[in-house]
Amino acid sequence: MGSYDGFGTFGKSWFISITRDIVNRDDFKSMTEEKKKVGGGIGVVLFRDGKFLFGKRHDDLIKADSALRGEGTWCIPGGKLDFRESFEEGAKREVLEETGIKINKIEVICVSNEENQYAHFITVGLFSDDFDGDPQVLEPDEITKWEWFSPDNLPSPIFIPSGHVLENYLKKRFYYNWDGPSS
């Protein structure tokens, strides 16, 4: 004899079916979906000899590994913050993990609000021109190569959050709010 599931003789699937008919389908969908949350990330502008460091994100969506989508674009080093990690600690960790570069001094330069149909992130931009080492591809499944670019010869296309951090730096602007592509 089976165990009682609390839904009577018709079972759980019958209950869900009836509930969908009684409750507006959109309301039911929102009741059953996980609530979306805003993510926190960092982007680091590394500057050496008049050039900025950019990495080429993998062309494969899964390997490029970003909720904001960015496969095939160029990005500055960065990523998601770990729990209880300062912006500076997160930046140093991400740059070291991704490139092997050890940052000596770093400063927060900007914040931007990134949102599209896939995700919503607050990106904190940081800047350093005081670091040791040369970039190495340490996460080849995500970033396929690192290259230095002058401000007048930037790569294309640039990952949207990276572009905003770099633009904020160049324009000496602290905050940027992006609502997604214009229609």
C-alpha atoms as a PDB file:
ATOM      1  CA  MET A   1       0.000   0.000   0.000  1.00  0.00           C
ATOM      2  CA  GLY A   2       1.352   3.447  -0.996  1.00  0.00           C
ATOM      3  CA  SER A   3       1.853   6.317   1.362  1.00  0.00           C
ATOM      4  CA  TYR A   4      -0.722   9.099   1.568  1.00  0.00           C
ATOM      5  CA  ASP A   5       0.440  12.227  -0.310  1.00  0.00           C
ATOM      6  CA  GLY A   6      -2.030  14.654   1.272  1.00  0.00           C
ATOM      7  CA  PHE A   7      -3.917  15.253  -1.973  1.00  0.00           C
ATOM      8  CA  GLY A   8      -6.648  12.607  -1.643  1.00  0.00           C
ATOM      9  CA  THR A   9      -7.559   9.974  -4.187  1.00  0.00           C
ATOM     10  CA  PHE A  10      -6.838  12.151  -7.240  1.00  0.00           C
ATOM     11  CA  GLY A  11      -3.165  12.784  -6.433  1.00  0.00           C
ATOM     12  CA  LYS A  12      -0.778  15.684  -6.684  1.00  0.00           C
ATOM     13  CA  SER A  13      -0.908  16.117 -10.483  1.00  0.00           C
ATOM     14  CA  TRP A  14      -4.693  16.591 -10.336  1.00  0.00           C
ATOM     15  CA  PHE A  15      -4.273  19.254  -7.615  1.00  0.00           C
ATOM     16  CA  ILE A  16      -1.682  21.156  -9.675  1.00  0.00           C
ATOM     17  CA  SER A  17      -3.903  20.971 -12.761  1.00  0.00           C
ATOM     18  CA  ILE A  18      -6.954  22.325 -10.909  1.00  0.00           C
ATOM     19  CA  THR A  19      -4.855  25.033  -9.209  1.00  0.00           C
ATOM     20  CA  ARG A  20      -3.595  26.205 -12.601  1.00  0.00           C
ATOM     21  CA  ASP A  21      -7.188  26.553 -13.798  1.00  0.00           C
ATOM     22  CA  ILE A  22      -8.329  28.471 -10.703  1.00  0.00           C
ATOM     23  CA  VAL A  23      -5.312  30.789 -10.371  1.00  0.00           C
ATOM     24  CA  ASN A  24      -4.297  32.969 -13.297  1.00  0.00           C
ATOM     25  CA  ARG A  25      -1.617  31.036 -15.222  1.00  0.00           C
ATOM     26  CA  ASP A  26       0.873  33.926 -15.039  1.00  0.00           C
ATOM     27  CA  ASP A  27       0.367  34.206 -11.279  1.00  0.00           C
ATOM     28  CA  PHE A  28       0.822  30.433 -10.921  1.00  0.00           C
ATOM     29  CA  LYS A  29       4.005  30.567 -12.963  1.00  0.00           C
ATOM     30  CA  SER A  30       5.449  33.369 -10.809  1.00  0.00           C
ATOM     31  CA  MET A  31       4.438  31.468  -7.647  1.00  0.00           C
ATOM     32  CA  THR A  32       6.333  28.385  -8.788  1.00  0.00           C
ATOM     33  CA  GLU A  33       9.467  30.021 -10.283  1.00  0.00           C
ATOM     34  CA  GLU A  34      12.520  30.824  -8.218  1.00  0.00           C
ATOM     35  CA  LYS A  35      12.676  34.536  -7.447  1.00  0.00           C
ATOM     36  CA  LYS A  36      15.365  36.248  -9.513  1.00  0.00           C
ATOM     37  CA  LYS A  37      18.050  38.151  -7.642  1.00  0.00           C
ATOM     38  CA  VAL A  38      20.504  40.878  -8.494  1.00  0.00           C
ATOM     39  CA  GLY A  39      24.092  39.684  -8.757  1.00  0.00           C
ATOM     40  CA  GLY A  40      27.261  41.492  -7.750  1.00  0.00           C
ATOM     41  CA  GLY A  41      30.301  41.529  -9.957  1.00  0.00           C
ATOM     42  CA  ILE A  42      33.579  43.300 -10.521  1.00  0.00           C
ATOM     43  CA  GLY A  43      35.501  44.437 -13.572  1.00  0.00           C
ATOM     44  CA  VAL A  44      39.161  45.417 -13.385  1.00  0.00           C
ATOM     45  CA  VAL A  45      40.824  47.912 -15.719  1.00  0.00           C
ATOM     46  CA  LEU A  46      44.503  46.959 -15.924  1.00  0.00           C
ATOM     47  CA  PHE A  47      46.632  49.655 -17.556  1.00  0.00           C
ATOM     48  CA  ARG A  48      50.239  49.197 -18.698  1.00  0.00           C
ATOM     49  CA  ASP A  49      52.337  51.131 -21.194  1.00  0.00           C
ATOM     50  CA  GLY A  50      49.331  53.099 -22.456  1.00  0.00           C
ATOM     51  CA  LYS A  51      47.230  49.967 -23.074  1.00  0.00           C
ATOM     52  CA  PHE A  52      44.304  48.132 -21.460  1.00  0.00           C
ATOM     53  CA  LEU A  53      44.119  44.356 -20.937  1.00  0.00           C
ATOM     54  CA  PHE A  54      41.200  42.499 -22.566  1.00  0.00           C
ATOM     55  CA  GLY A  55      40.387  38.805 -22.735  1.00  0.00           C
ATOM     56  CA  LYS A  56      38.492  37.087 -25.551  1.00  0.00           C
ATOM     57  CA  ARG A  57      35.502  35.224 -24.095  1.00  0.00           C
ATOM     58  CA  HIS A  58      34.854  31.770 -25.476  1.00  0.00           C
ATOM     59  CA  ASP A  59      32.416  31.638 -28.406  1.00  0.00           C
ATOM     60  CA  ASP A  60      30.455  28.845 -26.706  1.00  0.00           C
ATOM     61  CA  LEU A  61      27.654  30.219 -24.480  1.00  0.00           C
ATOM     62  CA  ILE A  62      28.177  27.601 -21.761  1.00  0.00           C
ATOM     63  CA  LYS A  63      31.945  28.025 -21.655  1.00  0.00           C
ATOM     64  CA  ALA A  64      31.777  31.847 -21.725  1.00  0.00           C
ATOM     65  CA  ASP A  65      29.975  31.453 -18.369  1.00  0.00           C
ATOM     66  CA  SER A  66      28.059  34.664 -17.779  1.00  0.00           C
ATOM     67  CA  ALA A  67      24.471  35.224 -16.718  1.00  0.00           C
ATOM     68  CA  LEU A  68      24.524  38.463 -18.765  1.00  0.00           C
ATOM     69  CA  ARG A  69      25.630  36.477 -21.873  1.00  0.00           C
ATOM     70  CA  GLY A  70      28.779  37.592 -23.596  1.00  0.00           C
ATOM     71  CA  GLU A  71      30.050  34.719 -25.660  1.00  0.00           C
ATOM     72  CA  GLY A  72      32.561  35.831 -28.284  1.00  0.00           C
ATOM     73  CA  THR A  73      33.088  39.293 -26.781  1.00  0.00           C
ATOM     74  CA  TRP A  74      36.176  40.935 -25.309  1.00  0.00           C
ATOM     75  CA  CYS A  75      36.207  41.679 -21.569  1.00  0.00           C
ATOM     76  CA  ILE A  76      38.384  43.097 -18.850  1.00  0.00           C
ATOM     77  CA  PRO A  77      39.331  40.684 -16.045  1.00  0.00           C
ATOM     78  CA  GLY A  78      36.657  40.234 -13.403  1.00  0.00           C
ATOM     79  CA  GLY A  79      33.825  38.097 -12.160  1.00  0.00           C
ATOM     80  CA  LYS A  80      31.487  37.542  -9.264  1.00  0.00           C
ATOM     81  CA  LEU A  81      32.247  38.492  -5.685  1.00  0.00           C
ATOM     82  CA  ASP A  82      32.500  35.767  -3.079  1.00  0.00           C
ATOM     83  CA  PHE A  83      30.535  36.008   0.159  1.00  0.00           C
ATOM     84  CA  ARG A  84      32.058  38.567   2.580  1.00  0.00           C
ATOM     85  CA  GLU A  85      34.733  39.573   0.079  1.00  0.00           C
ATOM     86  CA  SER A  86      35.616  43.244  -0.378  1.00  0.00           C
ATOM     87  CA  PHE A  87      35.645  44.705  -3.888  1.00  0.00           C
ATOM     88  CA  GLU A  88      39.428  44.974  -3.742  1.00  0.00           C
ATOM     89  CA  GLU A  89      39.885  41.404  -2.477  1.00  0.00           C
ATOM     90  CA  GLY A  90      37.556  40.074  -5.156  1.00  0.00           C
ATOM     91  CA  ALA A  91      39.366  42.009  -7.863  1.00  0.00           C
ATOM     92  CA  LYS A  92      42.783  40.756  -6.771  1.00  0.00           C
ATOM     93  CA  ARG A  93      41.496  37.159  -6.579  1.00  0.00           C
ATOM     94  CA  GLU A  94      39.751  37.249  -9.960  1.00  0.00           C
ATOM     95  CA  VAL A  95      42.716  38.824 -11.767  1.00  0.00           C
ATOM     96  CA  LEU A  96      45.133  36.307 -10.244  1.00  0.00           C
ATOM     97  CA  GLU A  97      42.830  33.335 -11.058  1.00  0.00           C
ATOM     98  CA  GLU A  98      42.187  34.471 -14.626  1.00  0.00           C
ATOM     99  CA  THR A  99      45.552  35.941 -15.655  1.00  0.00           C
ATOM    100  CA  GLY A 100      48.235  35.092 -13.079  1.00  0.00           C
ATOM    101  CA  ILE A 101      48.820  38.823 -12.561  1.00  0.00           C
ATOM    102  CA  LYS A 102      49.372  39.902  -8.939  1.00  0.00           C
ATOM    103  CA  ILE A 103      47.851  43.302  -8.173  1.00  0.00           C
ATOM    104  CA  ASN A 104      49.784  45.486  -5.727  1.00  0.00           C
ATOM    105  CA  LYS A 105      47.477  48.533  -5.585  1.00  0.00           C
ATOM    106  CA  ILE A 106      43.896  48.870  -6.743  1.00  0.00           C
ATOM    107  CA  GLU A 107      41.104  51.402  -6.362  1.00  0.00           C
ATOM    108  CA  VAL A 108      37.358  51.467  -6.899  1.00  0.00           C
ATOM    109  CA  ILE A 109      36.543  53.804  -9.800  1.00  0.00           C
ATOM    110  CA  CYS A 110      32.880  53.261 -10.660  1.00  0.00           C
ATOM    111  CA  VAL A 111      29.665  51.316 -10.337  1.00  0.00           C
ATOM    112  CA  SER A 112      27.175  50.433 -13.047  1.00  0.00           C
ATOM    113  CA  ASN A 113      23.756  48.847 -13.186  1.00  0.00           C
ATOM    114  CA  GLU A 114      23.609  46.129 -15.877  1.00  0.00           C
ATOM    115  CA  GLU A 115      20.332  44.525 -16.867  1.00  0.00           C
ATOM    116  CA  ASN A 116      19.074  42.539 -19.841  1.00  0.00           C
ATOM    117  CA  GLN A 117      16.497  39.812 -20.458  1.00  0.00           C
ATOM    118  CA  TYR A 118      18.793  37.213 -18.879  1.00  0.00           C
ATOM    119  CA  ALA A 119      20.131  38.817 -15.706  1.00  0.00           C
ATOM    120  CA  HIS A 120      20.634  41.899 -13.540  1.00  0.00           C
ATOM    121  CA  PHE A 121      24.055  42.760 -12.110  1.00  0.00           C
ATOM    122  CA  ILE A 122      25.639  45.601 -10.214  1.00  0.00           C
ATOM    123  CA  THR A 123      29.187  45.884 -11.529  1.00  0.00           C
ATOM    124  CA  VAL A 124      31.867  47.602  -9.481  1.00  0.00           C
ATOM    125  CA  GLY A 125      34.748  48.852 -11.617  1.00  0.00           C
ATOM    126  CA  LEU A 126      38.285  48.962 -10.284  1.00  0.00           C
ATOM    127  CA  PHE A 127      41.566  50.268 -11.703  1.00  0.00           C
ATOM    128  CA  SER A 128      45.195  49.252 -11.317  1.00  0.00           C
ATOM    129  CA  ASP A 129      48.423  50.258 -12.989  1.00  0.00           C
ATOM    130  CA  ASP A 130      50.519  48.739 -10.184  1.00  0.00           C
ATOM    131  CA  PHE A 131      50.775  44.977 -10.688  1.00  0.00           C
ATOM    132  CA  ASP A 132      53.326  42.232 -11.375  1.00  0.00           C
ATOM    133  CA  GLY A 133      53.355  39.606 -14.096  1.00  0.00           C
ATOM    134  CA  ASP A 134      52.182  39.098 -17.631  1.00  0.00           C
ATOM    135  CA  PRO A 135      48.751  37.757 -18.575  1.00  0.00           C
ATOM    136  CA  GLN A 136      48.408  34.019 -19.045  1.00  0.00           C
ATOM    137  CA  VAL A 137      45.344  32.045 -20.134  1.00  0.00           C
ATOM    138  CA  LEU A 138      44.582  30.207 -16.882  1.00  0.00           C
ATOM    139  CA  GLU A 139      40.881  29.516 -17.534  1.00  0.00           C
ATOM    140  CA  PRO A 140      40.914  28.459 -21.224  1.00  0.00           C
ATOM    141  CA  ASP A 141      37.333  27.223 -21.121  1.00  0.00           C
ATOM    142  CA  GLU A 142      36.155  30.797 -20.428  1.00  0.00           C
ATOM    143  CA  ILE A 143      38.854  33.121 -21.841  1.00  0.00           C
ATOM    144  CA  THR A 144      40.770  31.988 -24.930  1.00  0.00           C
ATOM    145  CA  LYS A 145      43.435  34.744 -25.002  1.00  0.00           C
ATOM    146  CA  TRP A 146      44.576  37.992 -23.345  1.00  0.00           C
ATOM    147  CA  GLU A 147      45.789  41.020 -25.316  1.00  0.00           C
ATOM    148  CA  TRP A 148      46.739  44.638 -24.631  1.00  0.00           C
ATOM    149  CA  PHE A 149      44.864  47.355 -26.578  1.00  0.00           C
ATOM    150  CA  SER A 150      45.440  51.093 -26.863  1.00  0.00           C
ATOM    151  CA  PRO A 151      42.470  53.409 -26.155  1.00  0.00           C
ATOM    152  CA  ASP A 152      42.260  54.322 -29.855  1.00  0.00           C
ATOM    153  CA  ASN A 153      42.283  50.690 -31.030  1.00  0.00           C
ATOM    154  CA  LEU A 154      39.963  48.786 -28.673  1.00  0.00           C
ATOM    155  CA  PRO A 155      38.711  45.299 -29.597  1.00  0.00           C
ATOM    156  CA  SER A 156      35.187  44.620 -30.784  1.00  0.00           C
ATOM    157  CA  PRO A 157      32.687  43.543 -29.670  1.00  0.00           C
ATOM    158  CA  ILE A 158      33.241  44.434 -26.004  1.00  0.00           C
ATOM    159  CA  PHE A 159      31.281  42.654 -23.240  1.00  0.00           C
ATOM    160  CA  ILE A 160      28.711  45.222 -22.088  1.00  0.00           C
ATOM    161  CA  PRO A 161      29.756  45.495 -18.395  1.00  0.00           C
ATOM    162  CA  SER A 162      33.433  45.775 -19.414  1.00  0.00           C
ATOM    163  CA  GLY A 163      32.589  48.509 -21.882  1.00  0.00           C
ATOM    164  CA  HIS A 164      30.723  50.449 -19.206  1.00  0.00           C
ATOM    165  CA  VAL A 165      33.576  50.174 -16.690  1.00  0.00           C
ATOM    166  CA  LEU A 166      36.117  51.319 -19.276  1.00  0.00           C
ATOM    167  CA  GLU A 167      33.826  54.131 -20.472  1.00  0.00           C
ATOM    168  CA  ASN A 168      33.294  55.275 -16.878  1.00  0.00           C
ATOM    169  CA  TYR A 169      37.054  55.306 -16.349  1.00  0.00           C
ATOM    170  CA  LEU A 170      37.763  57.269 -19.531  1.00  0.00           C
ATOM    171  CA  LYS A 171      34.979  59.786 -18.840  1.00  0.00           C
ATOM    172  CA  LYS A 172      35.828  59.986 -15.123  1.00  0.00           C
ATOM    173  CA  ARG A 173      32.222  59.080 -14.353  1.00  0.00           C
ATOM    174  CA  PHE A 174      31.385  57.136 -11.189  1.00  0.00           C
ATOM    175  CA  TYR A 175      27.887  55.821 -11.913  1.00  0.00           C
ATOM    176  CA  TYR A 176      26.225  54.423 -15.008  1.00  0.00           C
ATOM    177  CA  ASN A 177      22.704  52.996 -15.337  1.00  0.00           C
ATOM    178  CA  TRP A 178      22.074  50.815 -18.380  1.00  0.00           C
ATOM    179  CA  ASP A 179      18.531  49.684 -19.209  1.00  0.00           C
ATOM    180  CA  GLY A 180      19.510  47.341 -22.007  1.00  0.00           C
ATOM    181  CA  PRO A 181      19.583  47.909 -25.729  1.00  0.00           C
ATOM    182  CA  SER A 182      17.238  50.574 -27.051  1.00  0.00           C
ATOM    183  CA  SER A 183      14.324  49.288 -29.109  1.00  0.00           C
END
